[in-house]
């Protein structure tokens, strides 16, 4: 599933499947949960949590 944030501070949470989560701008928190996820923080001071699975942090 593709999940995309905004130019503001976002709290984005994935699913139990494979996700691509993009924070864009702002100070974001990205949580992948289950599955093999790709977490892209973008600009800002971001916090990324992978969860279970083989996750990629960009």
PDB file of N, CA and C in Angstrom:
ATOM      1  N   UNK A   1       0.849  -1.167   0.000  1.00  0.00           N
ATOM      2  CA  UNK A   1       0.000   0.000   0.000  1.00  0.00           C
ATOM      3  C   UNK A   1       0.897   1.233   0.000  1.00  0.00           C
ATOM      4  N   UNK A   2       0.546   2.231  -0.758  1.00  0.00           N
ATOM      5  CA  UNK A   2       1.284   3.489  -0.791  1.00  0.00           C
ATOM      6  C   UNK A   2       0.623   4.488   0.155  1.00  0.00           C
ATOM      7  N   UNK A   3       1.424   5.051   1.058  1.00  0.00           N
ATOM      8  CA  UNK A   3       0.935   6.033   2.024  1.00  0.00           C
ATOM      9  C   UNK A   3       1.815   7.260   1.901  1.00  0.00           C
ATOM     10  N   UNK A   4       1.214   8.424   1.694  1.00  0.00           N
ATOM     11  CA  UNK A   4       1.989   9.649   1.506  1.00  0.00           C
ATOM     12  C   UNK A   4       1.521  10.720   2.474  1.00  0.00           C
ATOM     13  N   UNK A   5       2.489  11.388   3.086  1.00  0.00           N
ATOM     14  CA  UNK A   5       2.190  12.461   4.020  1.00  0.00           C
ATOM     15  C   UNK A   5       1.965  13.780   3.310  1.00  0.00           C
ATOM     16  N   UNK A   6       2.094  14.852   4.076  1.00  0.00           N
ATOM     17  CA  UNK A   6       1.897  16.206   3.573  1.00  0.00           C
ATOM     18  C   UNK A   6       3.163  17.014   3.828  1.00  0.00           C
ATOM     19  N   UNK A   7       3.108  18.302   3.597  1.00  0.00           N
ATOM     20  CA  UNK A   7       4.235  19.177   3.901  1.00  0.00           C
ATOM     21  C   UNK A   7       4.254  19.584   5.371  1.00  0.00           C
ATOM     22  N   UNK A   8       3.320  19.070   6.167  1.00  0.00           N
ATOM     23  CA  UNK A   8       3.247  19.342   7.603  1.00  0.00           C
ATOM     24  C   UNK A   8       3.854  18.177   8.380  1.00  0.00           C
ATOM     25  N   UNK A   9       3.785  18.231   9.708  1.00  0.00           N
ATOM     26  CA  UNK A   9       4.250  17.131  10.553  1.00  0.00           C
ATOM     27  C   UNK A   9       3.198  16.031  10.547  1.00  0.00           C
ATOM     28  N   UNK A  10       3.596  14.820  10.129  1.00  0.00           N
ATOM     29  CA  UNK A  10       2.649  13.721   9.984  1.00  0.00           C
ATOM     30  C   UNK A  10       3.038  12.526  10.846  1.00  0.00           C
ATOM     31  N   UNK A  11       2.029  11.748  11.249  1.00  0.00           N
ATOM     32  CA  UNK A  11       2.217  10.456  11.903  1.00  0.00           C
ATOM     33  C   UNK A  11       1.588   9.426  10.972  1.00  0.00           C
ATOM     34  N   UNK A  12       2.434   8.698  10.224  1.00  0.00           N
ATOM     35  CA  UNK A  12       1.955   7.777   9.203  1.00  0.00           C
ATOM     36  C   UNK A  12       2.202   6.345   9.648  1.00  0.00           C
ATOM     37  N   UNK A  13       1.168   5.518   9.581  1.00  0.00           N
ATOM     38  CA  UNK A  13       1.245   4.135  10.047  1.00  0.00           C
ATOM     39  C   UNK A  13       0.866   3.209   8.900  1.00  0.00           C
ATOM     40  N   UNK A  14       1.706   2.203   8.669  1.00  0.00           N
ATOM     41  CA  UNK A  14       1.466   1.236   7.613  1.00  0.00           C
ATOM     42  C   UNK A  14       0.485   0.157   8.023  1.00  0.00           C
ATOM     43  N   UNK A  15       0.492  -0.915   7.232  1.00  0.00           N
ATOM     44  CA  UNK A  15      -0.418  -2.032   7.452  1.00  0.00           C
ATOM     45  C   UNK A  15       0.395  -3.283   7.785  1.00  0.00           C
ATOM     46  N   UNK A  16      -0.271  -4.414   7.875  1.00  0.00           N
ATOM     47  CA  UNK A  16       0.441  -5.668   8.106  1.00  0.00           C
ATOM     48  C   UNK A  16       1.084  -6.197   6.826  1.00  0.00           C
ATOM     49  N   UNK A  17       0.771  -5.583   5.680  1.00  0.00           N
ATOM     50  CA  UNK A  17       1.350  -5.977   4.398  1.00  0.00           C
ATOM     51  C   UNK A  17       2.561  -5.133   4.047  1.00  0.00           C
ATOM     52  N   UNK A  18       2.991  -5.235   2.787  1.00  0.00           N
ATOM     53  CA  UNK A  18       4.133  -4.462   2.294  1.00  0.00           C
ATOM     54  C   UNK A  18       3.675  -3.050   1.953  1.00  0.00           C
ATOM     55  N   UNK A  19       4.363  -2.045   2.498  1.00  0.00           N
ATOM     56  CA  UNK A  19       3.975  -0.648   2.296  1.00  0.00           C
ATOM     57  C   UNK A  19       5.149   0.184   1.802  1.00  0.00           C
ATOM     58  N   UNK A  20       4.820   1.253   1.089  1.00  0.00           N
ATOM     59  CA  UNK A  20       5.757   2.334   0.807  1.00  0.00           C
ATOM     60  C   UNK A  20       5.187   3.569   1.483  1.00  0.00           C
ATOM     61  N   UNK A  21       5.932   4.117   2.446  1.00  0.00           N
ATOM     62  CA  UNK A  21       5.455   5.262   3.219  1.00  0.00           C
ATOM     63  C   UNK A  21       6.398   6.426   2.967  1.00  0.00           C
ATOM     64  N   UNK A  22       5.841   7.555   2.501  1.00  0.00           N
ATOM     65  CA  UNK A  22       6.623   8.746   2.192  1.00  0.00           C
ATOM     66  C   UNK A  22       6.173   9.891   3.086  1.00  0.00           C
ATOM     67  N   UNK A  23       7.123  10.437   3.852  1.00  0.00           N
ATOM     68  CA  UNK A  23       6.788  11.514   4.766  1.00  0.00           C
ATOM     69  C   UNK A  23       6.717  12.888   4.123  1.00  0.00           C
ATOM     70  N   UNK A  24       7.449  13.103   3.034  1.00  0.00           N
ATOM     71  CA  UNK A  24       7.583  14.399   2.372  1.00  0.00           C
ATOM     72  C   UNK A  24       8.225  15.396   3.334  1.00  0.00           C
ATOM     73  N   UNK A  25       7.712  16.639   3.411  1.00  0.00           N
ATOM     74  CA  UNK A  25       8.310  17.665   4.272  1.00  0.00           C
ATOM     75  C   UNK A  25       7.732  17.572   5.680  1.00  0.00           C
ATOM     76  N   UNK A  26       8.305  18.339   6.587  1.00  0.00           N
ATOM     77  CA  UNK A  26       7.842  18.336   7.971  1.00  0.00           C
ATOM     78  C   UNK A  26       8.601  17.327   8.809  1.00  0.00           C
ATOM     79  N   UNK A  27       8.365  17.357  10.102  1.00  0.00           N
ATOM     80  CA  UNK A  27       8.974  16.419  11.050  1.00  0.00           C
ATOM     81  C   UNK A  27       8.000  15.267  11.248  1.00  0.00           C
ATOM     82  N   UNK A  28       8.262  14.163  10.568  1.00  0.00           N
ATOM     83  CA  UNK A  28       7.307  13.069  10.478  1.00  0.00           C
ATOM     84  C   UNK A  28       7.724  11.859  11.300  1.00  0.00           C
ATOM     85  N   UNK A  29       6.727  11.064  11.691  1.00  0.00           N
ATOM     86  CA  UNK A  29       6.949   9.756  12.292  1.00  0.00           C
ATOM     87  C   UNK A  29       6.328   8.726  11.364  1.00  0.00           C
ATOM     88  N   UNK A  30       7.150   7.778  10.885  1.00  0.00           N
ATOM     89  CA  UNK A  30       6.701   6.731   9.981  1.00  0.00           C
ATOM     90  C   UNK A  30       6.851   5.389  10.672  1.00  0.00           C
ATOM     91  N   UNK A  31       5.791   4.601  10.681  1.00  0.00           N
ATOM     92  CA  UNK A  31       5.802   3.276  11.306  1.00  0.00           C
ATOM     93  C   UNK A  31       5.351   2.249  10.279  1.00  0.00           C
ATOM     94  N   UNK A  32       6.233   1.301   9.973  1.00  0.00           N
ATOM     95  CA  UNK A  32       5.926   0.325   8.940  1.00  0.00           C
ATOM     96  C   UNK A  32       5.029  -0.811   9.381  1.00  0.00           C
ATOM     97  N   UNK A  33       5.086  -1.203  10.639  1.00  0.00           N
ATOM     98  CA  UNK A  33       4.381  -2.376  11.167  1.00  0.00           C
ATOM     99  C   UNK A  33       4.868  -3.634  10.471  1.00  0.00           C
ATOM    100  N   UNK A  34       3.973  -4.542  10.042  1.00  0.00           N
ATOM    101  CA  UNK A  34       4.382  -5.808   9.440  1.00  0.00           C
ATOM    102  C   UNK A  34       4.708  -5.670   7.964  1.00  0.00           C
ATOM    103  N   UNK A  35       5.213  -6.733   7.378  1.00  0.00           N
ATOM    104  CA  UNK A  35       5.525  -6.737   5.955  1.00  0.00           C
ATOM    105  C   UNK A  35       6.898  -6.159   5.669  1.00  0.00           C
ATOM    106  N   UNK A  36       7.270  -6.193   4.401  1.00  0.00           N
ATOM    107  CA  UNK A  36       8.538  -5.631   3.940  1.00  0.00           C
ATOM    108  C   UNK A  36       8.259  -4.228   3.430  1.00  0.00           C
ATOM    109  N   UNK A  37       8.642  -3.226   4.204  1.00  0.00           N
ATOM    110  CA  UNK A  37       8.251  -1.844   3.943  1.00  0.00           C
ATOM    111  C   UNK A  37       9.421  -1.000   3.458  1.00  0.00           C
ATOM    112  N   UNK A  38       9.071   0.050   2.718  1.00  0.00           N
ATOM    113  CA  UNK A  38      10.029   1.082   2.309  1.00  0.00           C
ATOM    114  C   UNK A  38       9.567   2.370   2.979  1.00  0.00           C
ATOM    115  N   UNK A  39      10.419   2.933   3.845  1.00  0.00           N
ATOM    116  CA  UNK A  39      10.079   4.155   4.564  1.00  0.00           C
ATOM    117  C   UNK A  39      10.990   5.275   4.086  1.00  0.00           C
ATOM    118  N   UNK A  40      10.389   6.325   3.540  1.00  0.00           N
ATOM    119  CA  UNK A  40      11.118   7.469   3.006  1.00  0.00           C
ATOM    120  C   UNK A  40      10.740   8.699   3.819  1.00  0.00           C
ATOM    121  N   UNK A  41      11.663   9.167   4.651  1.00  0.00           N
ATOM    122  CA  UNK A  41      11.364  10.292   5.524  1.00  0.00           C
ATOM    123  C   UNK A  41      11.157  11.605   4.791  1.00  0.00           C
ATOM    124  N   UNK A  42      11.984  11.891   3.802  1.00  0.00           N
ATOM    125  CA  UNK A  42      11.912  13.176   3.112  1.00  0.00           C
ATOM    126  C   UNK A  42      12.651  14.239   3.899  1.00  0.00           C
ATOM    127  N   UNK A  43      12.267  15.499   3.697  1.00  0.00           N
ATOM    128  CA  UNK A  43      12.902  16.615   4.395  1.00  0.00           C
ATOM    129  C   UNK A  43      12.323  16.758   5.796  1.00  0.00           C
ATOM    130  N   UNK A  44      13.118  17.285   6.706  1.00  0.00           N
ATOM    131  CA  UNK A  44      12.674  17.481   8.079  1.00  0.00           C
ATOM    132  C   UNK A  44      13.369  16.515   9.018  1.00  0.00           C
ATOM    133  N   UNK A  45      13.041  16.605  10.289  1.00  0.00           N
ATOM    134  CA  UNK A  45      13.607  15.753  11.331  1.00  0.00           C
ATOM    135  C   UNK A  45      12.638  14.598  11.561  1.00  0.00           C
ATOM    136  N   UNK A  46      12.866  13.482  10.876  1.00  0.00           N
ATOM    137  CA  UNK A  46      11.920  12.375  10.857  1.00  0.00           C
ATOM    138  C   UNK A  46      12.360  11.226  11.757  1.00  0.00           C
ATOM    139  N   UNK A  47      11.379  10.462  12.239  1.00  0.00           N
ATOM    140  CA  UNK A  47      11.624   9.254  13.014  1.00  0.00           C
ATOM    141  C   UNK A  47      10.978   8.100  12.271  1.00  0.00           C
ATOM    142  N   UNK A  48      11.766   7.030  12.007  1.00  0.00           N
ATOM    143  CA  UNK A  48      11.278   5.893  11.243  1.00  0.00           C
ATOM    144  C   UNK A  48      11.363   4.623  12.077  1.00  0.00           C
ATOM    145  N   UNK A  49      10.262   3.884  12.117  1.00  0.00           N
ATOM    146  CA  UNK A  49      10.188   2.594  12.800  1.00  0.00           C
ATOM    147  C   UNK A  49       9.791   1.537  11.774  1.00  0.00           C
ATOM    148  N   UNK A  50      10.580   0.477  11.667  1.00  0.00           N
ATOM    149  CA  UNK A  50      10.302  -0.535  10.662  1.00  0.00           C
ATOM    150  C   UNK A  50       9.254  -1.547  11.067  1.00  0.00           C
ATOM    151  N   UNK A  51       9.350  -2.102  12.245  1.00  0.00           N
ATOM    152  CA  UNK A  51       8.468  -3.190  12.640  1.00  0.00           C
ATOM    153  C   UNK A  51       9.022  -4.523  12.168  1.00  0.00           C
ATOM    154  N   UNK A  52       8.160  -5.520  12.019  1.00  0.00           N
ATOM    155  CA  UNK A  52       8.614  -6.833  11.562  1.00  0.00           C
ATOM    156  C   UNK A  52       8.755  -6.835  10.046  1.00  0.00           C
ATOM    157  N   UNK A  53       9.545  -7.754   9.531  1.00  0.00           N
ATOM    158  CA  UNK A  53       9.784  -7.837   8.092  1.00  0.00           C
ATOM    159  C   UNK A  53      11.132  -7.241   7.732  1.00  0.00           C
ATOM    160  N   UNK A  54      11.462  -7.278   6.452  1.00  0.00           N
ATOM    161  CA  UNK A  54      12.708  -6.692   5.939  1.00  0.00           C
ATOM    162  C   UNK A  54      12.391  -5.314   5.396  1.00  0.00           C
ATOM    163  N   UNK A  55      12.741  -4.289   6.157  1.00  0.00           N
ATOM    164  CA  UNK A  55      12.368  -2.921   5.823  1.00  0.00           C
ATOM    165  C   UNK A  55      13.557  -2.139   5.289  1.00  0.00           C
ATOM    166  N   UNK A  56      13.261  -1.178   4.408  1.00  0.00           N
ATOM    167  CA  UNK A  56      14.273  -0.314   3.812  1.00  0.00           C
ATOM    168  C   UNK A  56      14.014   1.114   4.266  1.00  0.00           C
ATOM    169  N   UNK A  57      15.048   1.748   4.827  1.00  0.00           N
ATOM    170  CA  UNK A  57      14.951   3.140   5.287  1.00  0.00           C
ATOM    171  C   UNK A  57      15.701   4.024   4.303  1.00  0.00           C
ATOM    172  N   UNK A  58      15.007   5.034   3.744  1.00  0.00           N
ATOM    173  CA  UNK A  58      15.613   5.924   2.753  1.00  0.00           C
ATOM    174  C   UNK A  58      15.618   7.342   3.297  1.00  0.00           C
TER     175      UNK A  58
END
